[in-house]
C-alpha cells in the first residue's frame, strides 16, 4: 500500500480492505496475475495491459475535448 502512495506521489491512499477487494476483482477478470506468492506481487496480464491502454486513450480524448470546450467558453 505504501508503494501505491509512493508511485502516485501521495495522490492515492488505499486501505487494505479496498486494495484486497480490488485485487481479487482484477484477478478474477484476468487483468492481473500473481508473480510472487510470498511477497504478494502482481503484474498486468496482456488483457490488463490492453484494457489500461484503451482506458488511457479514452480518458485522454475526454480531457482534450474538455480543454477544447473550455477554450471556446473563454473566447466567448
PDB file of N, CA and C in Angstrom:
ATOM      1  N   UNK A   1       0.824  -1.193   0.000  1.00  0.00           N
ATOM      2  CA  UNK A   1       0.000   0.000   0.000  1.00  0.00           C
ATOM      3  C   UNK A   1       0.864   1.251   0.000  1.00  0.00           C
ATOM      4  N   UNK A   2       1.991   1.201   0.698  1.00  0.00           N
ATOM      5  CA  UNK A   2       2.887   2.353   0.693  1.00  0.00           C
ATOM      6  C   UNK A   2       3.480   2.576  -0.696  1.00  0.00           C
ATOM      7  N   UNK A   3       3.642   1.502  -1.462  1.00  0.00           N
ATOM      8  CA  UNK A   3       4.158   1.622  -2.829  1.00  0.00           C
ATOM      9  C   UNK A   3       3.177   2.400  -3.704  1.00  0.00           C
ATOM     10  N   UNK A   4       1.881   2.201  -3.476  1.00  0.00           N
ATOM     11  CA  UNK A   4       0.865   2.932  -4.235  1.00  0.00           C
ATOM     12  C   UNK A   4       0.988   4.425  -3.953  1.00  0.00           C
ATOM     13  N   UNK A   5       1.145   4.775  -2.691  1.00  0.00           N
ATOM     14  CA  UNK A   5       1.314   6.183  -2.329  1.00  0.00           C
ATOM     15  C   UNK A   5       2.591   6.743  -2.942  1.00  0.00           C
ATOM     16  N   UNK A   6       3.652   5.958  -2.899  1.00  0.00           N
ATOM     17  CA  UNK A   6       4.938   6.400  -3.442  1.00  0.00           C
ATOM     18  C   UNK A   6       4.846   6.645  -4.950  1.00  0.00           C
ATOM     19  N   UNK A   7       4.314   5.678  -5.676  1.00  0.00           N
ATOM     20  CA  UNK A   7       4.218   5.785  -7.133  1.00  0.00           C
ATOM     21  C   UNK A   7       3.306   6.936  -7.550  1.00  0.00           C
ATOM     22  N   UNK A   8       2.244   7.159  -6.788  1.00  0.00           N
ATOM     23  CA  UNK A   8       1.276   8.200  -7.146  1.00  0.00           C
ATOM     24  C   UNK A   8       1.605   9.550  -6.511  1.00  0.00           C
ATOM     25  N   UNK A   9       2.780   9.675  -5.917  1.00  0.00           N
ATOM     26  CA  UNK A   9       3.196  10.917  -5.241  1.00  0.00           C
ATOM     27  C   UNK A   9       2.164  11.359  -4.208  1.00  0.00           C
ATOM     28  N   UNK A  10       1.580  10.389  -3.509  1.00  0.00           N
ATOM     29  CA  UNK A  10       0.627  10.676  -2.448  1.00  0.00           C
ATOM     30  C   UNK A  10      -0.791  10.948  -2.916  1.00  0.00           C
ATOM     31  N   UNK A  11      -1.045  10.857  -4.208  1.00  0.00           N
ATOM     32  CA  UNK A  11      -2.384  11.124  -4.737  1.00  0.00           C
ATOM     33  C   UNK A  11      -3.379  10.062  -4.291  1.00  0.00           C
ATOM     34  N   UNK A  12      -2.932   8.807  -4.267  1.00  0.00           N
ATOM     35  CA  UNK A  12      -3.816   7.708  -3.897  1.00  0.00           C
ATOM     36  C   UNK A  12      -3.418   7.137  -2.550  1.00  0.00           C
ATOM     37  N   UNK A  13      -4.397   6.975  -1.695  1.00  0.00           N
ATOM     38  CA  UNK A  13      -4.200   6.363  -0.386  1.00  0.00           C
ATOM     39  C   UNK A  13      -5.234   5.249  -0.264  1.00  0.00           C
ATOM     40  N   UNK A  14      -4.792   4.017  -0.445  1.00  0.00           N
ATOM     41  CA  UNK A  14      -5.703   2.876  -0.477  1.00  0.00           C
ATOM     42  C   UNK A  14      -5.562   2.079   0.811  1.00  0.00           C
ATOM     43  N   UNK A  15      -6.681   1.806   1.454  1.00  0.00           N
ATOM     44  CA  UNK A  15      -6.677   0.980   2.647  1.00  0.00           C
ATOM     45  C   UNK A  15      -6.629  -0.494   2.279  1.00  0.00           C
ATOM     46  N   UNK A  16      -6.282  -1.351   3.243  1.00  0.00           N
ATOM     47  CA  UNK A  16      -6.140  -2.779   2.950  1.00  0.00           C
ATOM     48  C   UNK A  16      -7.424  -3.433   2.443  1.00  0.00           C
ATOM     49  N   UNK A  17      -8.558  -3.088   2.998  1.00  0.00           N
ATOM     50  CA  UNK A  17      -9.817  -3.711   2.560  1.00  0.00           C
ATOM     51  C   UNK A  17     -10.109  -3.373   1.101  1.00  0.00           C
ATOM     52  N   UNK A  18      -9.960  -2.110   0.745  1.00  0.00           N
ATOM     53  CA  UNK A  18     -10.194  -1.693  -0.643  1.00  0.00           C
ATOM     54  C   UNK A  18      -9.198  -2.338  -1.586  1.00  0.00           C
ATOM     55  N   UNK A  19      -7.933  -2.359  -1.174  1.00  0.00           N
ATOM     56  CA  UNK A  19      -6.907  -2.899  -2.050  1.00  0.00           C
ATOM     57  C   UNK A  19      -7.141  -4.378  -2.331  1.00  0.00           C
ATOM     58  N   UNK A  20      -7.368  -5.165  -1.291  1.00  0.00           N
ATOM     59  CA  UNK A  20      -7.522  -6.601  -1.497  1.00  0.00           C
ATOM     60  C   UNK A  20      -8.833  -6.952  -2.192  1.00  0.00           C
ATOM     61  N   UNK A  21      -9.875  -6.168  -1.969  1.00  0.00           N
ATOM     62  CA  UNK A  21     -11.128  -6.369  -2.702  1.00  0.00           C
ATOM     63  C   UNK A  21     -10.902  -6.138  -4.191  1.00  0.00           C
ATOM     64  N   UNK A  22     -10.205  -5.052  -4.517  1.00  0.00           N
ATOM     65  CA  UNK A  22      -9.938  -4.743  -5.928  1.00  0.00           C
ATOM     66  C   UNK A  22      -8.969  -5.727  -6.557  1.00  0.00           C
ATOM     67  N   UNK A  23      -7.955  -6.169  -5.825  1.00  0.00           N
ATOM     68  CA  UNK A  23      -7.033  -7.173  -6.356  1.00  0.00           C
ATOM     69  C   UNK A  23      -7.778  -8.458  -6.698  1.00  0.00           C
ATOM     70  N   UNK A  24      -8.695  -8.851  -5.827  1.00  0.00           N
ATOM     71  CA  UNK A  24      -9.484 -10.061  -6.074  1.00  0.00           C
ATOM     72  C   UNK A  24     -10.315  -9.912  -7.351  1.00  0.00           C
ATOM     73  N   UNK A  25     -10.926  -8.741  -7.536  1.00  0.00           N
ATOM     74  CA  UNK A  25     -11.722  -8.491  -8.743  1.00  0.00           C
ATOM     75  C   UNK A  25     -10.844  -8.500  -9.992  1.00  0.00           C
ATOM     76  N   UNK A  26      -9.679  -7.867  -9.910  1.00  0.00           N
ATOM     77  CA  UNK A  26      -8.769  -7.819 -11.057  1.00  0.00           C
ATOM     78  C   UNK A  26      -8.243  -9.205 -11.405  1.00  0.00           C
ATOM     79  N   UNK A  27      -7.945 -10.007 -10.391  1.00  0.00           N
ATOM     80  CA  UNK A  27      -7.513 -11.391 -10.630  1.00  0.00           C
ATOM     81  C   UNK A  27      -8.631 -12.185 -11.297  1.00  0.00           C
ATOM     82  N   UNK A  28      -9.846 -12.033 -10.792  1.00  0.00           N
ATOM     83  CA  UNK A  28     -10.997 -12.749 -11.339  1.00  0.00           C
ATOM     84  C   UNK A  28     -11.305 -12.378 -12.780  1.00  0.00           C
ATOM     85  N   UNK A  29     -10.990 -11.140 -13.140  1.00  0.00           N
ATOM     86  CA  UNK A  29     -11.234 -10.672 -14.510  1.00  0.00           C
ATOM     87  C   UNK A  29     -10.035 -10.933 -15.420  1.00  0.00           C
ATOM     88  N   UNK A  30      -9.019 -11.599 -14.896  1.00  0.00           N
ATOM     89  CA  UNK A  30      -7.795 -11.921 -15.648  1.00  0.00           C
ATOM     90  C   UNK A  30      -7.075 -10.669 -16.147  1.00  0.00           C
ATOM     91  N   UNK A  31      -7.125  -9.602 -15.331  1.00  0.00           N
ATOM     92  CA  UNK A  31      -6.442  -8.363 -15.696  1.00  0.00           C
ATOM     93  C   UNK A  31      -5.070  -8.262 -15.039  1.00  0.00           C
ATOM     94  N   UNK A  32      -4.881  -9.001 -13.938  1.00  0.00           N
ATOM     95  CA  UNK A  32      -3.578  -9.092 -13.280  1.00  0.00           C
ATOM     96  C   UNK A  32      -3.308 -10.549 -12.950  1.00  0.00           C
ATOM     97  N   UNK A  33      -2.035 -10.825 -12.656  1.00  0.00           N
ATOM     98  CA  UNK A  33      -1.658 -12.169 -12.230  1.00  0.00           C
ATOM     99  C   UNK A  33      -0.657 -12.056 -11.093  1.00  0.00           C
ATOM    100  N   UNK A  34      -0.615 -13.077 -10.249  1.00  0.00           N
ATOM    101  CA  UNK A  34       0.333 -13.108  -9.138  1.00  0.00           C
ATOM    102  C   UNK A  34       1.690 -13.518  -9.689  1.00  0.00           C
ATOM    103  N   UNK A  35       2.727 -12.749  -9.322  1.00  0.00           N
ATOM    104  CA  UNK A  35       4.076 -13.076  -9.788  1.00  0.00           C
ATOM    105  C   UNK A  35       4.915 -13.718  -8.694  1.00  0.00           C
ATOM    106  N   UNK A  36       4.689 -13.314  -7.453  1.00  0.00           N
ATOM    107  CA  UNK A  36       5.403 -13.898  -6.318  1.00  0.00           C
ATOM    108  C   UNK A  36       4.411 -14.073  -5.176  1.00  0.00           C
ATOM    109  N   UNK A  37       4.082 -15.296  -4.865  1.00  0.00           N
ATOM    110  CA  UNK A  37       3.066 -15.581  -3.853  1.00  0.00           C
ATOM    111  C   UNK A  37       3.496 -15.077  -2.481  1.00  0.00           C
ATOM    112  N   UNK A  38       4.736 -15.357  -2.087  1.00  0.00           N
ATOM    113  CA  UNK A  38       5.202 -14.974  -0.751  1.00  0.00           C
ATOM    114  C   UNK A  38       5.194 -13.460  -0.537  1.00  0.00           C
ATOM    115  N   UNK A  39       5.531 -12.714  -1.569  1.00  0.00           N
ATOM    116  CA  UNK A  39       5.602 -11.259  -1.457  1.00  0.00           C
ATOM    117  C   UNK A  39       4.304 -10.582  -1.883  1.00  0.00           C
ATOM    118  N   UNK A  40       3.345 -11.365  -2.355  1.00  0.00           N
ATOM    119  CA  UNK A  40       2.079 -10.820  -2.861  1.00  0.00           C
ATOM    120  C   UNK A  40       2.353  -9.776  -3.941  1.00  0.00           C
ATOM    121  N   UNK A  41       3.117 -10.156  -4.940  1.00  0.00           N
ATOM    122  CA  UNK A  41       3.414  -9.275  -6.070  1.00  0.00           C
ATOM    123  C   UNK A  41       2.490  -9.614  -7.233  1.00  0.00           C
ATOM    124  N   UNK A  42       2.077  -8.581  -7.935  1.00  0.00           N
ATOM    125  CA  UNK A  42       1.152  -8.736  -9.050  1.00  0.00           C
ATOM    126  C   UNK A  42       1.683  -7.984 -10.260  1.00  0.00           C
ATOM    127  N   UNK A  43       1.256  -8.412 -11.440  1.00  0.00           N
ATOM    128  CA  UNK A  43       1.564  -7.671 -12.660  1.00  0.00           C
ATOM    129  C   UNK A  43       0.375  -7.754 -13.600  1.00  0.00           C
ATOM    130  N   UNK A  44       0.318  -6.795 -14.513  1.00  0.00           N
ATOM    131  CA  UNK A  44      -0.750  -6.795 -15.507  1.00  0.00           C
ATOM    132  C   UNK A  44      -0.603  -7.982 -16.446  1.00  0.00           C
ATOM    133  N   UNK A  45      -1.722  -8.550 -16.827  1.00  0.00           N
ATOM    134  CA  UNK A  45      -1.723  -9.553 -17.889  1.00  0.00           C
ATOM    135  C   UNK A  45      -1.767  -8.796 -19.219  1.00  0.00           C
ATOM    136  N   UNK A  46      -1.654  -9.506 -20.323  1.00  0.00           N
ATOM    137  CA  UNK A  46      -1.760  -8.829 -21.624  1.00  0.00           C
ATOM    138  C   UNK A  46      -3.154  -8.224 -21.786  1.00  0.00           C
ATOM    139  N   UNK A  47      -4.166  -8.921 -21.278  1.00  0.00           N
ATOM    140  CA  UNK A  47      -5.534  -8.389 -21.313  1.00  0.00           C
ATOM    141  C   UNK A  47      -5.623  -7.109 -20.480  1.00  0.00           C
ATOM    142  N   UNK A  48      -4.998  -7.120 -19.305  1.00  0.00           N
ATOM    143  CA  UNK A  48      -4.997  -5.945 -18.437  1.00  0.00           C
ATOM    144  C   UNK A  48      -4.266  -4.774 -19.064  1.00  0.00           C
ATOM    145  N   UNK A  49      -3.165  -5.069 -19.744  1.00  0.00           N
ATOM    146  CA  UNK A  49      -2.404  -4.020 -20.423  1.00  0.00           C
ATOM    147  C   UNK A  49      -3.227  -3.386 -21.533  1.00  0.00           C
ATOM    148  N   UNK A  50      -3.893  -4.216 -22.335  1.00  0.00           N
ATOM    149  CA  UNK A  50      -4.736  -3.690 -23.419  1.00  0.00           C
ATOM    150  C   UNK A  50      -5.850  -2.803 -22.860  1.00  0.00           C
ATOM    151  N   UNK A  51      -6.488  -3.273 -21.787  1.00  0.00           N
ATOM    152  CA  UNK A  51      -7.567  -2.503 -21.181  1.00  0.00           C
ATOM    153  C   UNK A  51      -7.044  -1.177 -20.629  1.00  0.00           C
ATOM    154  N   UNK A  52      -5.882  -1.204 -19.998  1.00  0.00           N
ATOM    155  CA  UNK A  52      -5.289   0.015 -19.446  1.00  0.00           C
ATOM    156  C   UNK A  52      -4.983   1.024 -20.550  1.00  0.00           C
ATOM    157  N   UNK A  53      -4.386   0.568 -21.627  1.00  0.00           N
ATOM    158  CA  UNK A  53      -4.067   1.453 -22.756  1.00  0.00           C
ATOM    159  C   UNK A  53      -5.346   2.020 -23.363  1.00  0.00           C
ATOM    160  N   UNK A  54      -6.342   1.177 -23.572  1.00  0.00           N
ATOM    161  CA  UNK A  54      -7.618   1.636 -24.133  1.00  0.00           C
ATOM    162  C   UNK A  54      -8.266   2.687 -23.236  1.00  0.00           C
ATOM    163  N   UNK A  55      -8.247   2.440 -21.935  1.00  0.00           N
ATOM    164  CA  UNK A  55      -8.865   3.375 -20.994  1.00  0.00           C
ATOM    165  C   UNK A  55      -8.080   4.688 -20.940  1.00  0.00           C
ATOM    166  N   UNK A  56      -6.762   4.597 -20.996  1.00  0.00           N
ATOM    167  CA  UNK A  56      -5.929   5.802 -21.026  1.00  0.00           C
ATOM    168  C   UNK A  56      -6.265   6.647 -22.258  1.00  0.00           C
ATOM    169  N   UNK A  57      -6.357   6.005 -23.402  1.00  0.00           N
ATOM    170  CA  UNK A  57      -6.676   6.727 -24.640  1.00  0.00           C
ATOM    171  C   UNK A  57      -8.067   7.343 -24.582  1.00  0.00           C
ATOM    172  N   UNK A  58      -9.023   6.607 -24.033  1.00  0.00           N
ATOM    173  CA  UNK A  58     -10.392   7.120 -23.911  1.00  0.00           C
ATOM    174  C   UNK A  58     -10.424   8.359 -23.021  1.00  0.00           C
ATOM    175  N   UNK A  59      -9.759   8.270 -21.884  1.00  0.00           N
ATOM    176  CA  UNK A  59      -9.753   9.405 -20.956  1.00  0.00           C
ATOM    177  C   UNK A  59      -8.970  10.590 -21.511  1.00  0.00           C
ATOM    178  N   UNK A  60      -7.911  10.312 -22.249  1.00  0.00           N
ATOM    179  CA  UNK A  60      -7.137  11.392 -22.877  1.00  0.00           C
ATOM    180  C   UNK A  60      -8.004  12.173 -23.855  1.00  0.00           C
ATOM    181  N   UNK A  61      -8.839  11.464 -24.608  1.00  0.00           N
ATOM    182  CA  UNK A  61      -9.754  12.127 -25.544  1.00  0.00           C
ATOM    183  C   UNK A  61     -10.754  13.001 -24.794  1.00  0.00           C
ATOM    184  N   UNK A  62     -11.255  12.496 -23.676  1.00  0.00           N
ATOM    185  CA  UNK A  62     -12.204  13.269 -22.868  1.00  0.00           C
ATOM    186  C   UNK A  62     -11.542  14.543 -22.357  1.00  0.00           C
ATOM    187  N   UNK A  63     -10.311  14.421 -21.873  1.00  0.00           N
ATOM    188  CA  UNK A  63      -9.580  15.597 -21.380  1.00  0.00           C
ATOM    189  C   UNK A  63      -9.382  16.601 -22.512  1.00  0.00           C
ATOM    190  N   UNK A  64      -8.974  16.137 -23.675  1.00  0.00           N
ATOM    191  CA  UNK A  64      -8.752  17.040 -24.807  1.00  0.00           C
ATOM    192  C   UNK A  64     -10.044  17.722 -25.224  1.00  0.00           C
ATOM    193  N   UNK A  65     -11.141  16.978 -25.277  1.00  0.00           N
ATOM    194  CA  UNK A  65     -12.433  17.572 -25.629  1.00  0.00           C
ATOM    195  C   UNK A  65     -12.845  18.614 -24.593  1.00  0.00           C
ATOM    196  N   UNK A  66     -12.591  18.319 -23.328  1.00  0.00           N
ATOM    197  CA  UNK A  66     -12.911  19.266 -22.255  1.00  0.00           C
ATOM    198  C   UNK A  66     -12.085  20.538 -22.397  1.00  0.00           C
ATOM    199  N   UNK A  67     -10.806  20.391 -22.717  1.00  0.00           N
ATOM    200  CA  UNK A  67      -9.948  21.565 -22.932  1.00  0.00           C
ATOM    201  C   UNK A  67     -10.468  22.409 -24.088  1.00  0.00           C
ATOM    202  N   UNK A  68     -10.887  21.746 -25.168  1.00  0.00           N
ATOM    203  CA  UNK A  68     -11.434  22.473 -26.317  1.00  0.00           C
ATOM    204  C   UNK A  68     -12.687  23.253 -25.940  1.00  0.00           C
ATOM    205  N   UNK A  69     -13.560  22.635 -25.158  1.00  0.00           N
ATOM    206  CA  UNK A  69     -14.792  23.299 -24.719  1.00  0.00           C
ATOM    207  C   UNK A  69     -14.465  24.497 -23.839  1.00  0.00           C
ATOM    208  N   UNK A  70     -13.544  24.317 -22.900  1.00  0.00           N
ATOM    209  CA  UNK A  70     -13.155  25.413 -22.005  1.00  0.00           C
ATOM    210  C   UNK A  70     -12.558  26.565 -22.807  1.00  0.00           C
ATOM    211  N   UNK A  71     -11.725  26.246 -23.784  1.00  0.00           N
ATOM    212  CA  UNK A  71     -11.121  27.284 -24.626  1.00  0.00           C
ATOM    213  C   UNK A  71     -12.193  28.053 -25.397  1.00  0.00           C
ATOM    214  N   UNK A  72     -13.197  27.362 -25.921  1.00  0.00           N
ATOM    215  CA  UNK A  72     -14.292  28.029 -26.639  1.00  0.00           C
ATOM    216  C   UNK A  72     -15.073  28.944 -25.702  1.00  0.00           C
ATOM    217  N   UNK A  73     -15.297  28.485 -24.486  1.00  0.00           N
ATOM    218  CA  UNK A  73     -16.027  29.292 -23.499  1.00  0.00           C
ATOM    219  C   UNK A  73     -15.228  30.544 -23.166  1.00  0.00           C
ATOM    220  N   UNK A  74     -13.930  30.396 -22.978  1.00  0.00           N
ATOM    221  CA  UNK A  74     -13.084  31.546 -22.640  1.00  0.00           C
ATOM    222  C   UNK A  74     -13.054  32.583 -23.765  1.00  0.00           C
ATOM    223  N   UNK A  75     -13.086  32.115 -24.996  1.00  0.00           N
ATOM    224  CA  UNK A  75     -13.065  33.034 -26.139  1.00  0.00           C
ATOM    225  C   UNK A  75     -14.421  33.702 -26.369  1.00  0.00           C
ATOM    226  N   UNK A  76     -15.444  33.104 -25.803  1.00  0.00           N
ATOM    227  CA  UNK A  76     -16.780  33.687 -25.934  1.00  0.00           C
ATOM    228  C   UNK A  76     -17.464  33.247 -27.105  1.00  0.00           C
TER     229      UNK A  76
END
